[in-house]
C-alpha cells in the first residue's frame, strides 16, 4: 500500500510517500480502507520532535512508528476475532495512535464509530481529534451550562472552530479570539463576539467569563484568571511553550496553584472513545456542528499539506483525501 512515512525528525520534508506492507489486524481490531484523514497539531509535534520531551514517548533519535496520521474516515475491509459491533462495508471514523496517512490502517474498535451519514469522508476525517478535544474540554472539563459566558482563545483553528459551535450547542454566549481575517469565519460558526488578538488584548478587557478554553498558551495564568469570574473555570489545552518541555511549565504552575484559588484550573487530556464519537455524531447529524475545512490535499501531497498547516496558520481543518 501507499503511505506517508517518516524516518527522521524535522520539517515537512522528512515525510515521504512510499510503498509499505498493509497492516495486519488482531483481536478486537478492524482493517479500514482509508478514504480521508486530516492534520492536527499533534501530527506536527510528532514530525518535528518538538518539544524535545515528546521524544521520550515517540522515539529518542527516530520515530518508533513510521507512518503518520491520527484522524481517519473510511470503510471496513476486514474484521478481527471478537468484533461484533462492525462488519465489512461499514463506514467509520475515529482517532488512532498513528498510521492514517495511508491506504489502509488497523483500528481498535474502541477508537472508532459509525461515520455521520450526512458528511463526506473528508468532512468526517476532520472531526475526531479536534472535535473530541473541543467537546470534552467544554462539556466535561469546563462543565459549560446554558447562559454562561465562554471565551475560546484560538477560535479559528482546528479545535477552535469546533469549540465555538459546541459551546453554542451547550447554550453558552461565545466570545471568539481570532485574527481579523477569520472574524467572519468564527461569527459564521455562531460566535456572539469576535476579538481581533492583534488589536485587542482580551485579558485587559473589562468583560468576565465563566469558562475560558485556552488553545494557544500565549497569556500567563494570572492574566487569564483576571478575566475569569470568581468561580470561573480555565481549561488549558495545548500551547507551544518551552522548546524542550513544551506547555509543562504552565501545567505544573496550574497544578500548584489550583488548590489555593477559588477558580477551577482544569487540566484535561482527551481520551476519545466510541461513545464520545457517537455523541459528536448526534450533534453533527442534528446540524449543531459543521466541520470547517480550509483546504483538502491528496495523500501524495501530505508534505505540502503539513507545510501549509504550519506556515499559513490554516483556518479550520486541513483534510487529506486518500
Protein backbone atom coordinates (compact mmCIF):
# COMPACT_ATOMS: atom_id res chain seq x y z
CA UNK A 1 0.00 0.00 0.00
CA UNK A 2 0.98 3.65 -0.33
CA UNK A 3 1.69 5.51 2.91
CA UNK A 4 3.34 8.68 4.19
CA UNK A 5 6.44 7.55 6.05
CA UNK A 6 8.68 9.48 8.47
CA UNK A 7 12.14 8.12 9.30
CA UNK A 8 13.64 11.22 10.95
CA UNK A 9 12.52 14.32 12.83
CA UNK A 10 12.45 17.66 11.07
CA UNK A 11 10.20 19.76 8.87
CA UNK A 12 7.67 18.54 6.31
CA UNK A 13 10.49 17.40 4.01
CA UNK A 14 11.10 14.33 6.22
CA UNK A 15 7.80 12.88 5.00
CA UNK A 16 7.92 10.52 2.02
CA UNK A 17 5.28 8.69 0.01
CA UNK A 18 6.40 5.03 -0.01
CA UNK A 19 5.13 1.55 -0.73
CA UNK A 20 4.76 -0.38 2.53
CA UNK A 21 3.11 -3.58 3.67
CA UNK A 22 -0.56 -3.39 4.57
CA UNK A 23 -1.17 -3.72 8.33
CA UNK A 24 -2.40 -6.92 9.89
CA UNK A 25 -5.23 -6.89 12.41
CA UNK A 26 -5.50 -8.60 15.76
CA UNK A 27 -8.33 -9.45 18.13
CA UNK A 28 -10.69 -6.53 18.63
CA UNK A 29 -9.41 -4.68 15.56
CA UNK A 30 -10.69 -3.91 12.09
CA UNK A 31 -8.87 -3.13 8.85
CA UNK A 32 -10.01 0.21 7.46
CA UNK A 33 -9.58 1.27 3.87
CA UNK A 34 -8.75 4.91 4.45
CA UNK A 35 -10.80 7.36 2.42
CA UNK A 36 -9.70 10.52 4.22
CA UNK A 37 -7.57 11.80 7.09
CA UNK A 38 -6.71 15.24 8.48
CA UNK A 39 -3.80 17.14 10.01
CA UNK A 40 -3.58 18.12 13.66
CA UNK A 41 -1.06 19.95 15.82
CA UNK A 42 -0.29 16.56 17.37
CA UNK A 43 0.95 15.36 13.98
CA UNK A 44 3.33 18.33 13.77
CA UNK A 45 4.71 17.56 17.25
CA UNK A 46 5.45 14.02 16.07
CA UNK A 47 7.00 15.18 12.77
CA UNK A 48 9.16 17.92 14.28
CA UNK A 49 10.05 16.11 17.50
CA UNK A 50 9.37 19.36 19.37
CA UNK A 51 9.06 19.94 22.23
CA UNK A 52 12.03 17.67 22.79
CA UNK A 53 10.43 15.96 25.78
CA UNK A 54 7.92 14.36 23.38
CA UNK A 55 10.70 12.13 22.01
CA UNK A 56 10.69 10.17 25.27
CA UNK A 57 7.38 8.75 24.05
CA UNK A 58 7.84 8.94 20.27
CA UNK A 59 11.47 7.73 19.98
CA UNK A 60 14.67 9.49 21.02
CA UNK A 61 16.50 9.55 17.69
CA UNK A 62 13.92 8.38 15.17
CA UNK A 63 10.14 7.82 15.37
CA UNK A 64 9.11 4.43 16.75
CA UNK A 65 6.18 4.24 14.33
CA UNK A 66 6.96 5.46 10.81
CA UNK A 67 3.52 6.13 9.31
CA UNK A 68 1.96 9.43 10.35
CA UNK A 69 -1.66 10.47 10.80
CA UNK A 70 -4.19 10.14 13.63
CA UNK A 71 -7.63 11.03 12.24
CA UNK A 72 -9.36 8.62 9.87
CA UNK A 73 -12.58 8.12 7.95
CA UNK A 74 -13.04 5.09 5.74
CA UNK A 75 -14.66 1.73 5.03
CA UNK A 76 -14.08 -1.51 6.94
CA UNK A 77 -12.31 -4.11 4.77
CA UNK A 78 -11.93 -6.90 7.35
CA UNK A 79 -12.78 -7.61 11.00
CA UNK A 80 -10.68 -9.37 13.62
CA UNK A 81 -11.70 -12.03 16.09
CA UNK A 82 -14.27 -10.94 18.65
CA UNK A 83 -15.51 -7.94 16.67
CA UNK A 84 -19.32 -7.80 16.66
CA UNK A 85 -20.10 -4.06 16.60
CA UNK A 86 -18.91 -3.58 13.00
CA UNK A 87 -18.96 -5.52 9.75
CA UNK A 88 -17.23 -5.35 6.39
CA UNK A 89 -18.53 -2.39 4.40
CA UNK A 90 -19.38 -0.18 7.38
CA UNK A 91 -18.34 3.45 7.06
CA UNK A 92 -16.46 4.58 10.18
CA UNK A 93 -14.42 7.41 11.61
CA UNK A 94 -12.10 7.77 14.60
CA UNK A 95 -8.81 8.84 16.14
CA UNK A 96 -5.95 6.34 16.24
CA UNK A 97 -2.42 6.44 17.65
CA UNK A 98 -0.89 6.69 14.17
CA UNK A 99 -0.92 5.27 10.65
CA UNK A 100 -3.84 7.03 8.94
CA UNK A 101 -1.84 8.79 6.19
CA UNK A 102 -2.04 5.53 4.24
CA UNK A 103 -4.37 3.45 2.10
CA UNK A 104 -5.12 1.02 4.95
CA UNK A 105 -4.89 1.17 8.75
CA UNK A 106 -5.61 -1.25 11.61
CA UNK A 107 -8.05 0.26 14.10
CA UNK A 108 -9.10 -0.91 17.59
CA UNK A 109 -12.90 -0.98 17.69
CA UNK A 110 -12.87 1.13 20.90
CA UNK A 111 -11.38 4.02 18.89
CA UNK A 112 -13.87 4.17 16.01
CA UNK A 113 -17.58 4.77 15.49
CA UNK A 114 -20.10 4.87 12.68
CA UNK A 115 -19.40 7.81 10.36
CA UNK A 116 -22.00 10.61 10.34
CA UNK A 117 -24.15 9.76 7.34
CA UNK A 118 -24.63 13.37 6.23
CA UNK A 119 -20.88 14.05 5.91
CA UNK A 120 -18.33 13.27 3.23
CA UNK A 121 -15.33 11.18 4.21
CA UNK A 122 -13.19 14.33 4.12
CA UNK A 123 -15.55 16.16 6.46
CA UNK A 124 -15.77 13.20 8.83
CA UNK A 125 -11.99 12.82 8.97
CA UNK A 126 -11.55 16.35 10.32
CA UNK A 127 -13.64 15.65 13.40
CA UNK A 128 -12.15 13.00 15.73
CA UNK A 129 -9.14 14.56 17.49
CA UNK A 130 -10.18 18.22 17.24
CA UNK A 131 -13.89 17.61 17.76
CA UNK A 132 -13.42 15.38 20.79
CA UNK A 133 -10.90 17.81 22.30
CA UNK A 134 -13.39 20.67 21.99
CA UNK A 135 -16.33 18.57 23.19
CA UNK A 136 -14.65 17.07 26.25
CA UNK A 137 -12.85 20.33 27.05
CA UNK A 138 -16.10 22.27 27.19
CA UNK A 139 -18.66 19.72 28.37
CA UNK A 140 -16.55 17.80 30.89
CA UNK A 141 -13.55 19.91 31.92
CA UNK A 142 -15.34 23.24 31.51
CA UNK A 143 -18.78 21.95 32.65
CA UNK A 144 -20.42 24.58 30.41
CA UNK A 145 -24.09 25.24 31.15
CA UNK A 146 -26.70 27.33 29.30
CA UNK A 147 -26.32 31.08 29.72
CA UNK A 148 -22.66 31.04 30.70
CA UNK A 149 -20.14 33.32 29.05
CA UNK A 150 -17.44 31.31 27.31
CA UNK A 151 -14.25 32.59 25.66
CA UNK A 152 -12.36 30.50 23.11
CA UNK A 153 -8.73 31.60 22.70
CA UNK A 154 -7.65 30.26 19.30
CA UNK A 155 -11.16 30.08 17.87
CA UNK A 156 -10.28 29.80 14.17
CA UNK A 157 -8.03 26.75 14.42
CA UNK A 158 -8.95 23.10 14.11
CA UNK A 159 -10.11 22.65 17.72
CA UNK A 160 -11.36 26.22 17.99
CA UNK A 161 -13.83 26.03 15.10
CA UNK A 162 -15.45 23.01 16.72
CA UNK A 163 -15.31 24.64 20.17
CA UNK A 164 -17.26 27.71 19.05
CA UNK A 165 -20.07 25.55 17.70
CA UNK A 166 -20.12 23.12 20.62
CA UNK A 167 -20.20 25.95 23.17
CA UNK A 168 -23.20 27.40 21.33
CA UNK A 169 -24.86 23.98 21.26
CA UNK A 170 -24.38 23.82 25.05
CA UNK A 171 -26.24 27.13 25.33
CA UNK A 172 -23.35 29.47 26.03
CA UNK A 173 -22.71 33.05 24.94
CA UNK A 174 -19.48 32.73 22.99
CA UNK A 175 -16.59 35.15 22.53
CA UNK A 176 -14.08 34.03 19.90
CA UNK A 177 -10.48 35.27 19.85
CA UNK A 178 -9.00 35.09 16.35
CA UNK A 179 -7.31 37.21 13.69
CA UNK A 180 -9.24 39.89 11.81
CA UNK A 181 -9.19 37.76 8.64
CA UNK A 182 -11.03 34.99 10.50
CA UNK A 183 -13.62 37.18 12.23
CA UNK A 184 -16.26 36.37 9.61
CA UNK A 185 -15.48 32.65 9.90
CA UNK A 186 -15.99 32.48 13.68
CA UNK A 187 -19.11 34.62 13.55
CA UNK A 188 -20.47 32.33 10.86
CA UNK A 189 -19.89 29.40 13.20
CA UNK A 190 -22.04 31.09 15.85
CA UNK A 191 -19.74 33.30 17.91
CA UNK A 192 -21.63 36.19 19.53
CA UNK A 193 -18.48 38.33 19.63
CA UNK A 194 -15.13 38.20 17.84
CA UNK A 195 -11.96 39.76 19.24
CA UNK A 196 -9.00 40.52 16.96
CA UNK A 197 -6.00 39.43 19.02
CA UNK A 198 -3.66 41.69 17.03
CA UNK A 199 -5.63 44.78 18.00
CA UNK A 200 -7.22 43.97 21.35
CA UNK A 201 -5.88 42.02 24.32
CA UNK A 202 -8.87 40.28 25.89
CA UNK A 203 -7.01 39.95 29.21
CA UNK A 204 -7.08 43.77 29.53
CA UNK A 205 -10.81 43.98 28.85
CA UNK A 206 -13.49 44.56 31.49
CA UNK A 207 -15.54 41.54 30.38
CA UNK A 208 -15.52 38.50 32.64
CA UNK A 209 -16.06 34.88 31.57
CA UNK A 210 -17.41 31.80 33.30
CA UNK A 211 -15.24 29.48 31.18
CA UNK A 212 -12.10 30.13 29.15
CA UNK A 213 -10.85 27.43 26.78
CA UNK A 214 -7.21 28.34 26.08
CA UNK A 215 -5.91 26.65 22.93
CA UNK A 216 -2.90 28.93 22.39
CA UNK A 217 -0.99 29.40 25.64
CA UNK A 218 0.07 32.98 24.84
CA UNK A 219 -1.06 34.54 28.12
CA UNK A 220 0.07 33.89 31.68
CA UNK A 221 -2.17 32.07 34.11
CA UNK A 222 -2.51 35.27 36.13
CA UNK A 223 -3.77 37.29 33.18
CA UNK A 224 -6.21 34.58 32.17
CA UNK A 225 -7.53 34.30 35.71
CA UNK A 226 -8.01 38.07 35.84
CA UNK A 227 -10.82 37.87 33.28
CA UNK A 228 -12.48 34.83 34.85
CA UNK A 229 -15.40 35.20 37.22
CA UNK A 230 -14.52 34.42 40.87
CA UNK A 231 -15.80 30.84 40.46
CA UNK A 232 -14.91 30.54 36.78
CA UNK A 233 -13.09 27.70 35.04
CA UNK A 234 -9.93 27.88 32.97
CA UNK A 235 -9.42 24.89 30.66
CA UNK A 236 -5.84 24.53 29.42
CA UNK A 237 -5.30 22.64 26.20
CA UNK A 238 -2.17 22.55 24.05
CA UNK A 239 0.02 25.61 23.51
CA UNK A 240 3.66 25.55 22.40
CA UNK A 241 5.59 26.79 25.44
CA UNK A 242 9.23 25.84 26.10
CA UNK A 243 11.19 24.24 23.20
CA UNK A 244 12.22 21.34 25.45
CA UNK A 245 9.35 20.97 27.91
CA UNK A 246 6.51 22.45 25.85
CA UNK A 247 3.48 23.52 27.94
CA UNK A 248 4.62 21.54 31.01
CA UNK A 249 5.63 24.73 32.87
CA UNK A 250 2.13 26.20 32.62
CA UNK A 251 0.60 22.86 33.54
CA UNK A 252 2.75 22.46 36.65
CA UNK A 253 2.04 26.05 37.68
CA UNK A 254 -1.70 25.46 37.33
CA UNK A 255 -1.49 22.23 39.34
CA UNK A 256 0.41 24.02 42.12
CA UNK A 257 -1.96 26.99 42.17
CA UNK A 258 -5.29 25.20 41.82
CA UNK A 259 -5.85 24.19 45.50
CA UNK A 260 -5.33 27.77 46.68
CA UNK A 261 -7.70 29.72 44.41
CA UNK A 262 -11.48 29.89 44.12
CA UNK A 263 -11.40 29.40 40.38
CA UNK A 264 -11.04 25.99 38.74
CA UNK A 265 -7.86 25.46 36.75
CA UNK A 266 -8.76 22.45 34.67
CA UNK A 267 -6.10 20.28 33.07
CA UNK A 268 -7.53 17.63 30.82
CA UNK A 269 -6.24 15.05 28.39
CA UNK A 270 -8.55 13.91 25.65
CA UNK A 271 -9.27 10.18 25.68
CA UNK A 272 -11.61 9.59 22.78
CA UNK A 273 -13.89 6.57 22.68
CA UNK A 274 -16.67 5.16 20.52
CA UNK A 275 -19.22 6.69 22.91
CA UNK A 276 -17.79 10.21 22.54
CA UNK A 277 -17.65 9.84 18.75
CA UNK A 278 -21.29 8.69 18.81
CA UNK A 279 -22.29 11.75 20.84
CA UNK A 280 -20.47 14.01 18.40
CA UNK A 281 -22.23 12.28 15.51
CA UNK A 282 -25.58 13.20 17.06
CA UNK A 283 -24.55 16.87 17.21
CA UNK A 284 -23.35 16.75 13.61
CA UNK A 285 -26.42 14.98 12.25
CA UNK A 286 -28.67 17.41 14.14
CA UNK A 287 -26.93 20.30 12.37
CA UNK A 288 -25.43 21.84 15.52
CA UNK A 289 -21.84 21.33 14.33
CA UNK A 290 -20.32 21.51 10.84
CA UNK A 291 -16.64 20.90 10.03
CA UNK A 292 -14.79 23.98 8.78
CA UNK A 293 -12.29 22.84 6.14
CA UNK A 294 -9.63 25.25 4.93
CA UNK A 295 -8.10 23.08 2.19
CA UNK A 296 -8.00 19.46 1.02
CA UNK A 297 -4.84 17.76 -0.29
CA UNK A 298 -4.35 14.29 -1.85
CA UNK A 299 -2.31 11.68 0.02
CA UNK A 300 0.76 12.22 -2.17
CA UNK A 301 0.83 15.89 -1.17
CA UNK A 302 0.81 15.42 2.61
CA UNK A 303 4.23 17.13 2.93
CA UNK A 304 2.79 20.22 1.20
CA UNK A 305 -0.32 19.96 3.38
CA UNK A 306 1.77 19.90 6.57
CA UNK A 307 3.81 22.86 5.34
CA UNK A 308 0.61 24.77 4.61
CA UNK A 309 -0.82 23.85 8.03
CA UNK A 310 2.27 25.15 9.83
CA UNK A 311 3.26 28.17 7.74
CA UNK A 312 -0.12 29.55 6.70
CA UNK A 313 -1.90 29.07 10.04
CA UNK A 314 -4.82 27.25 8.46
CA UNK A 315 -8.32 28.40 9.34
CA UNK A 316 -10.24 25.36 10.48
CA UNK A 317 -9.01 21.96 9.33
CA UNK A 318 -6.74 20.66 6.58
CA UNK A 319 -8.14 17.43 5.14
CA UNK A 320 -6.33 14.63 3.30
CA UNK A 321 -8.14 12.71 0.56
CA UNK A 322 -6.91 9.15 0.04
